[in-house]
Structure formats: structure tokens, C-alpha cells
Amino acid sequence: MHIACNEVVPGCGFTASADTEEELTDKVAAHAAQDHGVPEVTPELAAKIKAAIRRQ
């Protein structure tokens, strides 16, 4: 599984890969907190993340 933050936040170059959706979501949540100042993943953000995940 793979995600590009640019699909959720235009202009962001962060990408991540993981074996499970849970692991990938954890990586994205850490990135969102550190680089975008988003302290928690809201249900709306979680839906956007899930829609942006690509199966490898």
C-alpha cells in the first residue's frame, strides 16, 4: 500500500508505504502532526486518507 500526501494536501511531497492500512494510517497521522500541525486524525481526514491509499 502507498499514499502520497499531495492527494490530500496539494503541494506536499510526503509519501509512505506499508503492508497494512493501519500501519500506513499511523505513518500519515505522524506526518500530519509533525509537518502540518494536525494533532489528531478526524473522521473526515481519515476518509480522505483512505480514499488516497493506492494498492501496490
PDB file of N, CA and C in Angstrom:
ATOM      1  N   MET A   1       0.834  -1.171   0.000  1.00  0.00           N
ATOM      2  CA  MET A   1       0.000   0.000   0.000  1.00  0.00           C
ATOM      3  C   MET A   1       0.883   1.241   0.000  1.00  0.00           C
ATOM      4  N   HIS A   2       0.372   2.289  -0.626  1.00  0.00           N
ATOM      5  CA  HIS A   2       1.148   3.506  -0.797  1.00  0.00           C
ATOM      6  C   HIS A   2       0.210   4.705  -0.720  1.00  0.00           C
ATOM      7  N   ILE A   3       0.721   5.823  -0.220  1.00  0.00           N
ATOM      8  CA  ILE A   3      -0.040   7.062  -0.219  1.00  0.00           C
ATOM      9  C   ILE A   3       0.891   8.222  -0.520  1.00  0.00           C
ATOM     10  N   ALA A   4       0.360   9.197  -1.237  1.00  0.00           N
ATOM     11  CA  ALA A   4       1.057  10.450  -1.491  1.00  0.00           C
ATOM     12  C   ALA A   4       0.232  11.554  -0.836  1.00  0.00           C
ATOM     13  N   CYS A   5       0.821  12.262   0.100  1.00  0.00           N
ATOM     14  CA  CYS A   5       0.110  13.318   0.822  1.00  0.00           C
ATOM     15  C   CYS A   5      -0.438  14.364  -0.150  1.00  0.00           C
ATOM     16  N   ASN A   6       0.243  14.556  -1.258  1.00  0.00           N
ATOM     17  CA  ASN A   6      -0.184  15.528  -2.257  1.00  0.00           C
ATOM     18  C   ASN A   6      -1.636  15.330  -2.688  1.00  0.00           C
ATOM     19  N   GLU A   7      -2.144  14.102  -2.589  1.00  0.00           N
ATOM     20  CA  GLU A   7      -3.535  13.836  -2.963  1.00  0.00           C
ATOM     21  C   GLU A   7      -4.510  14.364  -1.918  1.00  0.00           C
ATOM     22  N   VAL A   8      -4.016  14.605  -0.706  1.00  0.00           N
ATOM     23  CA  VAL A   8      -4.854  15.141   0.367  1.00  0.00           C
ATOM     24  C   VAL A   8      -4.514  16.612   0.609  1.00  0.00           C
ATOM     25  N   VAL A   9      -3.220  16.927   0.594  1.00  0.00           N
ATOM     26  CA  VAL A   9      -2.727  18.291   0.802  1.00  0.00           C
ATOM     27  C   VAL A   9      -1.885  18.670  -0.424  1.00  0.00           C
ATOM     28  N   PRO A  10      -2.488  19.372  -1.387  1.00  0.00           N
ATOM     29  CA  PRO A  10      -1.751  19.740  -2.599  1.00  0.00           C
ATOM     30  C   PRO A  10      -0.431  20.444  -2.281  1.00  0.00           C
ATOM     31  N   GLY A  11       0.611  20.009  -2.974  1.00  0.00           N
ATOM     32  CA  GLY A  11       1.923  20.609  -2.803  1.00  0.00           C
ATOM     33  C   GLY A  11       2.822  19.902  -1.808  1.00  0.00           C
ATOM     34  N   CYS A  12       2.301  18.964  -1.052  1.00  0.00           N
ATOM     35  CA  CYS A  12       3.109  18.237  -0.075  1.00  0.00           C
ATOM     36  C   CYS A  12       3.795  17.063  -0.770  1.00  0.00           C
ATOM     37  N   GLY A  13       5.090  16.913  -0.554  1.00  0.00           N
ATOM     38  CA  GLY A  13       5.863  15.872  -1.204  1.00  0.00           C
ATOM     39  C   GLY A  13       5.994  14.579  -0.422  1.00  0.00           C
ATOM     40  N   PHE A  14       5.349  14.463   0.740  1.00  0.00           N
ATOM     41  CA  PHE A  14       5.456  13.268   1.575  1.00  0.00           C
ATOM     42  C   PHE A  14       4.778  12.082   0.905  1.00  0.00           C
ATOM     43  N   THR A  15       5.463  10.936   0.950  1.00  0.00           N
ATOM     44  CA  THR A  15       4.876   9.669   0.516  1.00  0.00           C
ATOM     45  C   THR A  15       5.220   8.611   1.548  1.00  0.00           C
ATOM     46  N   ALA A  16       4.422   7.572   1.609  1.00  0.00           N
ATOM     47  CA  ALA A  16       4.676   6.479   2.552  1.00  0.00           C
ATOM     48  C   ALA A  16       4.146   5.179   1.963  1.00  0.00           C
ATOM     49  N   SER A  17       4.768   4.091   2.393  1.00  0.00           N
ATOM     50  CA  SER A  17       4.340   2.748   2.016  1.00  0.00           C
ATOM     51  C   SER A  17       4.274   1.899   3.266  1.00  0.00           C
ATOM     52  N   ALA A  18       3.390   0.904   3.246  1.00  0.00           N
ATOM     53  CA  ALA A  18       3.254  -0.020   4.373  1.00  0.00           C
ATOM     54  C   ALA A  18       2.552  -1.277   3.893  1.00  0.00           C
ATOM     55  N   ASP A  19       2.631  -2.311   4.711  1.00  0.00           N
ATOM     56  CA  ASP A  19       1.990  -3.575   4.365  1.00  0.00           C
ATOM     57  C   ASP A  19       0.506  -3.586   4.705  1.00  0.00           C
ATOM     58  N   THR A  20       0.101  -2.784   5.712  1.00  0.00           N
ATOM     59  CA  THR A  20      -1.297  -2.763   6.129  1.00  0.00           C
ATOM     60  C   THR A  20      -1.834  -1.333   6.129  1.00  0.00           C
ATOM     61  N   GLU A  21      -3.134  -1.217   6.014  1.00  0.00           N
ATOM     62  CA  GLU A  21      -3.777   0.097   6.051  1.00  0.00           C
ATOM     63  C   GLU A  21      -3.559   0.762   7.413  1.00  0.00           C
ATOM     64  N   GLU A  22      -3.609  -0.013   8.479  1.00  0.00           N
ATOM     65  CA  GLU A  22      -3.399   0.533   9.819  1.00  0.00           C
ATOM     66  C   GLU A  22      -1.995   1.131   9.963  1.00  0.00           C
ATOM     67  N   GLU A  23      -0.993   0.408   9.501  1.00  0.00           N
ATOM     68  CA  GLU A  23       0.385   0.891   9.574  1.00  0.00           C
ATOM     69  C   GLU A  23       0.558   2.161   8.730  1.00  0.00           C
ATOM     70  N   LEU A  24      -0.035   2.177   7.560  1.00  0.00           N
ATOM     71  CA  LEU A  24       0.058   3.338   6.688  1.00  0.00           C
ATOM     72  C   LEU A  24      -0.651   4.541   7.322  1.00  0.00           C
ATOM     73  N   THR A  25      -1.805   4.318   7.894  1.00  0.00           N
ATOM     74  CA  THR A  25      -2.539   5.398   8.558  1.00  0.00           C
ATOM     75  C   THR A  25      -1.739   5.957   9.723  1.00  0.00           C
ATOM     76  N   ASP A  26      -1.046   5.103  10.466  1.00  0.00           N
ATOM     77  CA  ASP A  26      -0.191   5.572  11.566  1.00  0.00           C
ATOM     78  C   ASP A  26       0.922   6.479  11.048  1.00  0.00           C
ATOM     79  N   LYS A  27       1.530   6.103   9.934  1.00  0.00           N
ATOM     80  CA  LYS A  27       2.593   6.925   9.342  1.00  0.00           C
ATOM     81  C   LYS A  27       2.045   8.276   8.892  1.00  0.00           C
ATOM     82  N   VAL A  28       0.873   8.257   8.275  1.00  0.00           N
ATOM     83  CA  VAL A  28       0.260   9.501   7.803  1.00  0.00           C
ATOM     84  C   VAL A  28      -0.125  10.384   8.991  1.00  0.00           C
ATOM     85  N   ALA A  29      -0.648   9.795  10.055  1.00  0.00           N
ATOM     86  CA  ALA A  29      -1.016  10.572  11.240  1.00  0.00           C
ATOM     87  C   ALA A  29       0.207  11.242  11.851  1.00  0.00           C
ATOM     88  N   ALA A  30       1.319  10.529  11.918  1.00  0.00           N
ATOM     89  CA  ALA A  30       2.557  11.107  12.450  1.00  0.00           C
ATOM     90  C   ALA A  30       3.035  12.246  11.552  1.00  0.00           C
ATOM     91  N   HIS A  31       2.957  12.058  10.250  1.00  0.00           N
ATOM     92  CA  HIS A  31       3.348  13.106   9.301  1.00  0.00           C
ATOM     93  C   HIS A  31       2.438  14.325   9.450  1.00  0.00           C
ATOM     94  N   ALA A  32       1.149  14.103   9.541  1.00  0.00           N
ATOM     95  CA  ALA A  32       0.191  15.208   9.658  1.00  0.00           C
ATOM     96  C   ALA A  32       0.463  16.031  10.912  1.00  0.00           C
ATOM     97  N   ALA A  33       0.768  15.360  12.010  1.00  0.00           N
ATOM     98  CA  ALA A  33       1.052  16.060  13.265  1.00  0.00           C
ATOM     99  C   ALA A  33       2.348  16.852  13.171  1.00  0.00           C
ATOM    100  N   GLN A  34       3.386  16.222  12.646  1.00  0.00           N
ATOM    101  CA  GLN A  34       4.706  16.845  12.611  1.00  0.00           C
ATOM    102  C   GLN A  34       4.810  17.950  11.565  1.00  0.00           C
ATOM    103  N   ASP A  35       4.322  17.685  10.358  1.00  0.00           N
ATOM    104  CA  ASP A  35       4.555  18.610   9.249  1.00  0.00           C
ATOM    105  C   ASP A  35       3.391  19.552   8.938  1.00  0.00           C
ATOM    106  N   HIS A  36       2.189  19.175   9.365  1.00  0.00           N
ATOM    107  CA  HIS A  36       1.028  20.011   9.056  1.00  0.00           C
ATOM    108  C   HIS A  36       0.348  20.571  10.309  1.00  0.00           C
ATOM    109  N   GLY A  37       0.849  20.215  11.496  1.00  0.00           N
ATOM    110  CA  GLY A  37       0.270  20.731  12.732  1.00  0.00           C
ATOM    111  C   GLY A  37      -1.123  20.199  13.031  1.00  0.00           C
ATOM    112  N   VAL A  38      -1.444  19.025  12.514  1.00  0.00           N
ATOM    113  CA  VAL A  38      -2.749  18.405  12.737  1.00  0.00           C
ATOM    114  C   VAL A  38      -2.610  17.432  13.907  1.00  0.00           C
ATOM    115  N   PRO A  39      -3.167  17.776  15.069  1.00  0.00           N
ATOM    116  CA  PRO A  39      -2.939  16.960  16.266  1.00  0.00           C
ATOM    117  C   PRO A  39      -3.666  15.615  16.283  1.00  0.00           C
ATOM    118  N   GLU A  40      -4.759  15.495  15.544  1.00  0.00           N
ATOM    119  CA  GLU A  40      -5.478  14.223  15.515  1.00  0.00           C
ATOM    120  C   GLU A  40      -6.129  14.022  14.155  1.00  0.00           C
ATOM    121  N   VAL A  41      -6.340  12.771  13.811  1.00  0.00           N
ATOM    122  CA  VAL A  41      -6.983  12.439  12.549  1.00  0.00           C
ATOM    123  C   VAL A  41      -8.485  12.386  12.801  1.00  0.00           C
ATOM    124  N   THR A  42      -9.188  13.355  12.237  1.00  0.00           N
ATOM    125  CA  THR A  42     -10.646  13.404  12.365  1.00  0.00           C
ATOM    126  C   THR A  42     -11.273  12.367  11.438  1.00  0.00           C
ATOM    127  N   PRO A  43     -12.529  12.038  11.647  1.00  0.00           N
ATOM    128  CA  PRO A  43     -13.182  11.099  10.721  1.00  0.00           C
ATOM    129  C   PRO A  43     -13.160  11.590   9.268  1.00  0.00           C
ATOM    130  N   GLU A  44     -13.278  12.897   9.070  1.00  0.00           N
ATOM    131  CA  GLU A  44     -13.245  13.446   7.715  1.00  0.00           C
ATOM    132  C   GLU A  44     -11.865  13.261   7.084  1.00  0.00           C
ATOM    133  N   LEU A  45     -10.823  13.526   7.865  1.00  0.00           N
ATOM    134  CA  LEU A  45      -9.460  13.343   7.373  1.00  0.00           C
ATOM    135  C   LEU A  45      -9.175  11.864   7.125  1.00  0.00           C
ATOM    136  N   ALA A  46      -9.651  11.015   8.013  1.00  0.00           N
ATOM    137  CA  ALA A  46      -9.456   9.568   7.840  1.00  0.00           C
ATOM    138  C   ALA A  46     -10.076   9.097   6.527  1.00  0.00           C
ATOM    139  N   ALA A  47     -11.233   9.631   6.173  1.00  0.00           N
ATOM    140  CA  ALA A  47     -11.892   9.263   4.923  1.00  0.00           C
ATOM    141  C   ALA A  47     -11.066   9.717   3.727  1.00  0.00           C
ATOM    142  N   LYS A  48     -10.483  10.920   3.806  1.00  0.00           N
ATOM    143  CA  LYS A  48      -9.640  11.419   2.714  1.00  0.00           C
ATOM    144  C   LYS A  48      -8.385  10.568   2.574  1.00  0.00           C
ATOM    145  N   ILE A  49      -7.804  10.183   3.712  1.00  0.00           N
ATOM    146  CA  ILE A  49      -6.615   9.333   3.692  1.00  0.00           C
ATOM    147  C   ILE A  49      -6.945   7.995   3.044  1.00  0.00           C
ATOM    148  N   LYS A  50      -8.044   7.393   3.485  1.00  0.00           N
ATOM    149  CA  LYS A  50      -8.427   6.074   2.951  1.00  0.00           C
ATOM    150  C   LYS A  50      -8.659   6.143   1.441  1.00  0.00           C
ATOM    151  N   ALA A  51      -9.257   7.230   0.972  1.00  0.00           N
ATOM    152  CA  ALA A  51      -9.512   7.384  -0.458  1.00  0.00           C
ATOM    153  C   ALA A  51      -8.224   7.565  -1.258  1.00  0.00           C
ATOM    154  N   ALA A  52      -7.181   8.080  -0.619  1.00  0.00           N
ATOM    155  CA  ALA A  52      -5.913   8.345  -1.311  1.00  0.00           C
ATOM    156  C   ALA A  52      -4.964   7.141  -1.301  1.00  0.00           C
ATOM    157  N   ILE A  53      -5.275   6.108  -0.524  1.00  0.00           N
ATOM    158  CA  ILE A  53      -4.412   4.930  -0.455  1.00  0.00           C
ATOM    159  C   ILE A  53      -4.496   4.154  -1.773  1.00  0.00           C
ATOM    160  N   ARG A  54      -3.334   3.804  -2.274  1.00  0.00           N
ATOM    161  CA  ARG A  54      -3.242   3.018  -3.517  1.00  0.00           C
ATOM    162  C   ARG A  54      -2.673   1.645  -3.176  1.00  0.00           C
ATOM    163  N   ARG A  55      -3.279   0.640  -3.706  1.00  0.00           N
ATOM    164  CA  ARG A  55      -2.777  -0.732  -3.517  1.00  0.00           C
ATOM    165  C   ARG A  55      -1.607  -0.927  -4.473  1.00  0.00           C
ATOM    166  N   GLN A  56      -0.532  -1.514  -3.981  1.00  0.00           N
ATOM    167  CA  GLN A  56       0.644  -1.729  -4.838  1.00  0.00           C
ATOM    168  C   GLN A  56       0.539  -3.043  -5.550  1.00  0.00           C
TER     169      GLN A  56
END
